[in-house]
């Protein structure tokens, strides 16, 4: 892989505290409702009710947008003032990080 990221797969919902600030947690929807949405889409695709050209245009646009992205250096002027004043609680609950694009 040439990406600046690597996927980490885990069968558990626990993220170690020292890794939590460097991870995006992606949770899969394995519900029956999600299965039904997927099968409904596949039925519509087979019936010709999905505009495949529009979907391909959206895919191509996303690929072009991803190609023009470049790293940005972020400086925190308060970095030297940051202190750790205790340990993270070990609740075991996964940390959820939302990324708005």
C-alpha atoms as a PDB file:
ATOM      1  CA  UNK A   1       0.000   0.000   0.000  1.00  0.00           C
ATOM      2  CA  UNK A   2       1.227   3.457  -0.862  1.00  0.00           C
ATOM      3  CA  UNK A   3      -1.326   5.305   1.251  1.00  0.00           C
ATOM      4  CA  UNK A   4      -0.281   7.235   4.360  1.00  0.00           C
ATOM      5  CA  UNK A   5      -2.643   5.028   6.349  1.00  0.00           C
ATOM      6  CA  UNK A   6      -3.037   1.380   7.120  1.00  0.00           C
ATOM      7  CA  UNK A   7      -6.195  -0.525   8.040  1.00  0.00           C
ATOM      8  CA  UNK A   8      -6.214  -2.270  11.398  1.00  0.00           C
ATOM      9  CA  UNK A   9      -8.756  -5.045  11.753  1.00  0.00           C
ATOM     10  CA  UNK A  10      -9.995  -6.142  15.136  1.00  0.00           C
ATOM     11  CA  UNK A  11     -12.658  -8.497  16.329  1.00  0.00           C
ATOM     12  CA  UNK A  12     -13.008  -6.572  19.553  1.00  0.00           C
ATOM     13  CA  UNK A  13     -14.471  -3.158  20.306  1.00  0.00           C
ATOM     14  CA  UNK A  14     -11.571  -2.041  22.486  1.00  0.00           C
ATOM     15  CA  UNK A  15      -9.027   0.490  21.284  1.00  0.00           C
ATOM     16  CA  UNK A  16      -5.957   1.022  23.406  1.00  0.00           C
ATOM     17  CA  UNK A  17      -5.803   4.558  24.792  1.00  0.00           C
ATOM     18  CA  UNK A  18      -2.401   5.258  23.232  1.00  0.00           C
ATOM     19  CA  UNK A  19      -3.798   4.395  19.775  1.00  0.00           C
ATOM     20  CA  UNK A  20      -7.197   6.063  20.152  1.00  0.00           C
ATOM     21  CA  UNK A  21      -5.992   9.501  19.114  1.00  0.00           C
ATOM     22  CA  UNK A  22      -4.552   8.098  15.873  1.00  0.00           C
ATOM     23  CA  UNK A  23      -7.518   5.990  14.765  1.00  0.00           C
ATOM     24  CA  UNK A  24     -10.827   6.340  13.024  1.00  0.00           C
ATOM     25  CA  UNK A  25     -13.244   3.686  14.161  1.00  0.00           C
ATOM     26  CA  UNK A  26     -15.348   2.319  11.328  1.00  0.00           C
ATOM     27  CA  UNK A  27     -18.148   0.099  12.492  1.00  0.00           C
ATOM     28  CA  UNK A  28     -19.941  -2.216  10.098  1.00  0.00           C
ATOM     29  CA  UNK A  29     -23.713  -2.352   9.955  1.00  0.00           C
ATOM     30  CA  UNK A  30     -24.435  -6.070   9.994  1.00  0.00           C
ATOM     31  CA  UNK A  31     -28.121  -5.673  10.761  1.00  0.00           C
ATOM     32  CA  UNK A  32     -30.940  -7.396   8.918  1.00  0.00           C
ATOM     33  CA  UNK A  33     -32.146  -3.954   7.807  1.00  0.00           C
ATOM     34  CA  UNK A  34     -28.771  -3.270   6.137  1.00  0.00           C
ATOM     35  CA  UNK A  35     -28.886  -6.650   4.406  1.00  0.00           C
ATOM     36  CA  UNK A  36     -32.343  -5.752   3.103  1.00  0.00           C
ATOM     37  CA  UNK A  37     -31.110  -2.346   1.816  1.00  0.00           C
ATOM     38  CA  UNK A  38     -28.247  -4.071  -0.032  1.00  0.00           C
ATOM     39  CA  UNK A  39     -30.551  -6.687  -1.548  1.00  0.00           C
ATOM     40  CA  UNK A  40     -33.068  -3.977  -2.519  1.00  0.00           C
ATOM     41  CA  UNK A  41     -30.290  -2.072  -4.314  1.00  0.00           C
ATOM     42  CA  UNK A  42     -29.166  -5.242  -6.104  1.00  0.00           C
ATOM     43  CA  UNK A  43     -32.757  -5.976  -7.207  1.00  0.00           C
ATOM     44  CA  UNK A  44     -33.124  -2.423  -8.569  1.00  0.00           C
ATOM     45  CA  UNK A  45     -29.758  -2.749 -10.339  1.00  0.00           C
ATOM     46  CA  UNK A  46     -30.851  -6.012 -11.967  1.00  0.00           C
ATOM     47  CA  UNK A  47     -34.148  -4.419 -13.010  1.00  0.00           C
ATOM     48  CA  UNK A  48     -32.321  -1.509 -14.652  1.00  0.00           C
ATOM     49  CA  UNK A  49     -33.735   1.104 -12.258  1.00  0.00           C
ATOM     50  CA  UNK A  50     -30.321   2.361 -11.100  1.00  0.00           C
ATOM     51  CA  UNK A  51     -28.618   5.013 -13.221  1.00  0.00           C
ATOM     52  CA  UNK A  52     -25.210   3.372 -13.530  1.00  0.00           C
ATOM     53  CA  UNK A  53     -23.773   6.310 -15.510  1.00  0.00           C
ATOM     54  CA  UNK A  54     -24.591   8.759 -12.695  1.00  0.00           C
ATOM     55  CA  UNK A  55     -23.007   6.443 -10.143  1.00  0.00           C
ATOM     56  CA  UNK A  56     -19.877   6.148 -12.301  1.00  0.00           C
ATOM     57  CA  UNK A  57     -19.700   9.955 -12.601  1.00  0.00           C
ATOM     58  CA  UNK A  58     -19.869  10.249  -8.803  1.00  0.00           C
ATOM     59  CA  UNK A  59     -17.135   7.599  -8.410  1.00  0.00           C
ATOM     60  CA  UNK A  60     -14.912   9.374 -10.930  1.00  0.00           C
ATOM     61  CA  UNK A  61     -15.434  12.747  -9.250  1.00  0.00           C
ATOM     62  CA  UNK A  62     -14.505  11.272  -5.861  1.00  0.00           C
ATOM     63  CA  UNK A  63     -11.366   9.694  -7.341  1.00  0.00           C
ATOM     64  CA  UNK A  64     -10.317  13.031  -8.861  1.00  0.00           C
ATOM     65  CA  UNK A  65     -10.922  14.840  -5.573  1.00  0.00           C
ATOM     66  CA  UNK A  66      -8.817  12.278  -3.715  1.00  0.00           C
ATOM     67  CA  UNK A  67      -5.959  12.678  -6.206  1.00  0.00           C
ATOM     68  CA  UNK A  68      -5.670  16.438  -5.616  1.00  0.00           C
ATOM     69  CA  UNK A  69      -5.530  16.098  -1.823  1.00  0.00           C
ATOM     70  CA  UNK A  70      -2.142  16.846  -0.323  1.00  0.00           C
ATOM     71  CA  UNK A  71      -0.715  16.770   3.210  1.00  0.00           C
ATOM     72  CA  UNK A  72      -1.182  19.871   5.334  1.00  0.00           C
ATOM     73  CA  UNK A  73       1.176  20.701   8.187  1.00  0.00           C
ATOM     74  CA  UNK A  74      -0.748  21.627  11.307  1.00  0.00           C
ATOM     75  CA  UNK A  75       0.996  23.641  13.981  1.00  0.00           C
ATOM     76  CA  UNK A  76      -0.424  23.970  17.480  1.00  0.00           C
ATOM     77  CA  UNK A  77       0.881  27.158  19.097  1.00  0.00           C
ATOM     78  CA  UNK A  78      -0.152  25.775  22.503  1.00  0.00           C
ATOM     79  CA  UNK A  79       1.594  22.394  22.116  1.00  0.00           C
ATOM     80  CA  UNK A  80       4.255  23.154  24.729  1.00  0.00           C
ATOM     81  CA  UNK A  81       1.565  23.979  27.283  1.00  0.00           C
ATOM     82  CA  UNK A  82      -0.220  20.632  26.969  1.00  0.00           C
ATOM     83  CA  UNK A  83       0.205  18.268  29.926  1.00  0.00           C
ATOM     84  CA  UNK A  84      -1.198  14.834  30.697  1.00  0.00           C
ATOM     85  CA  UNK A  85      -2.745  14.936  34.166  1.00  0.00           C
ATOM     86  CA  UNK A  86      -3.793  11.361  34.714  1.00  0.00           C
ATOM     87  CA  UNK A  87      -4.633   8.204  32.928  1.00  0.00           C
ATOM     88  CA  UNK A  88      -7.522   7.576  30.594  1.00  0.00           C
ATOM     89  CA  UNK A  89     -10.344   5.604  32.122  1.00  0.00           C
ATOM     90  CA  UNK A  90     -10.376   2.030  30.914  1.00  0.00           C
ATOM     91  CA  UNK A  91     -14.100   1.791  30.239  1.00  0.00           C
ATOM     92  CA  UNK A  92     -13.537  -0.521  27.291  1.00  0.00           C
ATOM     93  CA  UNK A  93     -16.037   1.415  25.177  1.00  0.00           C
ATOM     94  CA  UNK A  94     -14.852   2.239  21.658  1.00  0.00           C
ATOM     95  CA  UNK A  95     -13.920   5.802  20.907  1.00  0.00           C
ATOM     96  CA  UNK A  96     -16.074   7.224  18.143  1.00  0.00           C
ATOM     97  CA  UNK A  97     -14.513   9.853  15.936  1.00  0.00           C
ATOM     98  CA  UNK A  98     -16.621  11.676  13.381  1.00  0.00           C
ATOM     99  CA  UNK A  99     -14.960  12.969  10.267  1.00  0.00           C
ATOM    100  CA  UNK A 100     -16.936  15.622   8.416  1.00  0.00           C
ATOM    101  CA  UNK A 101     -15.912  16.061   4.816  1.00  0.00           C
END
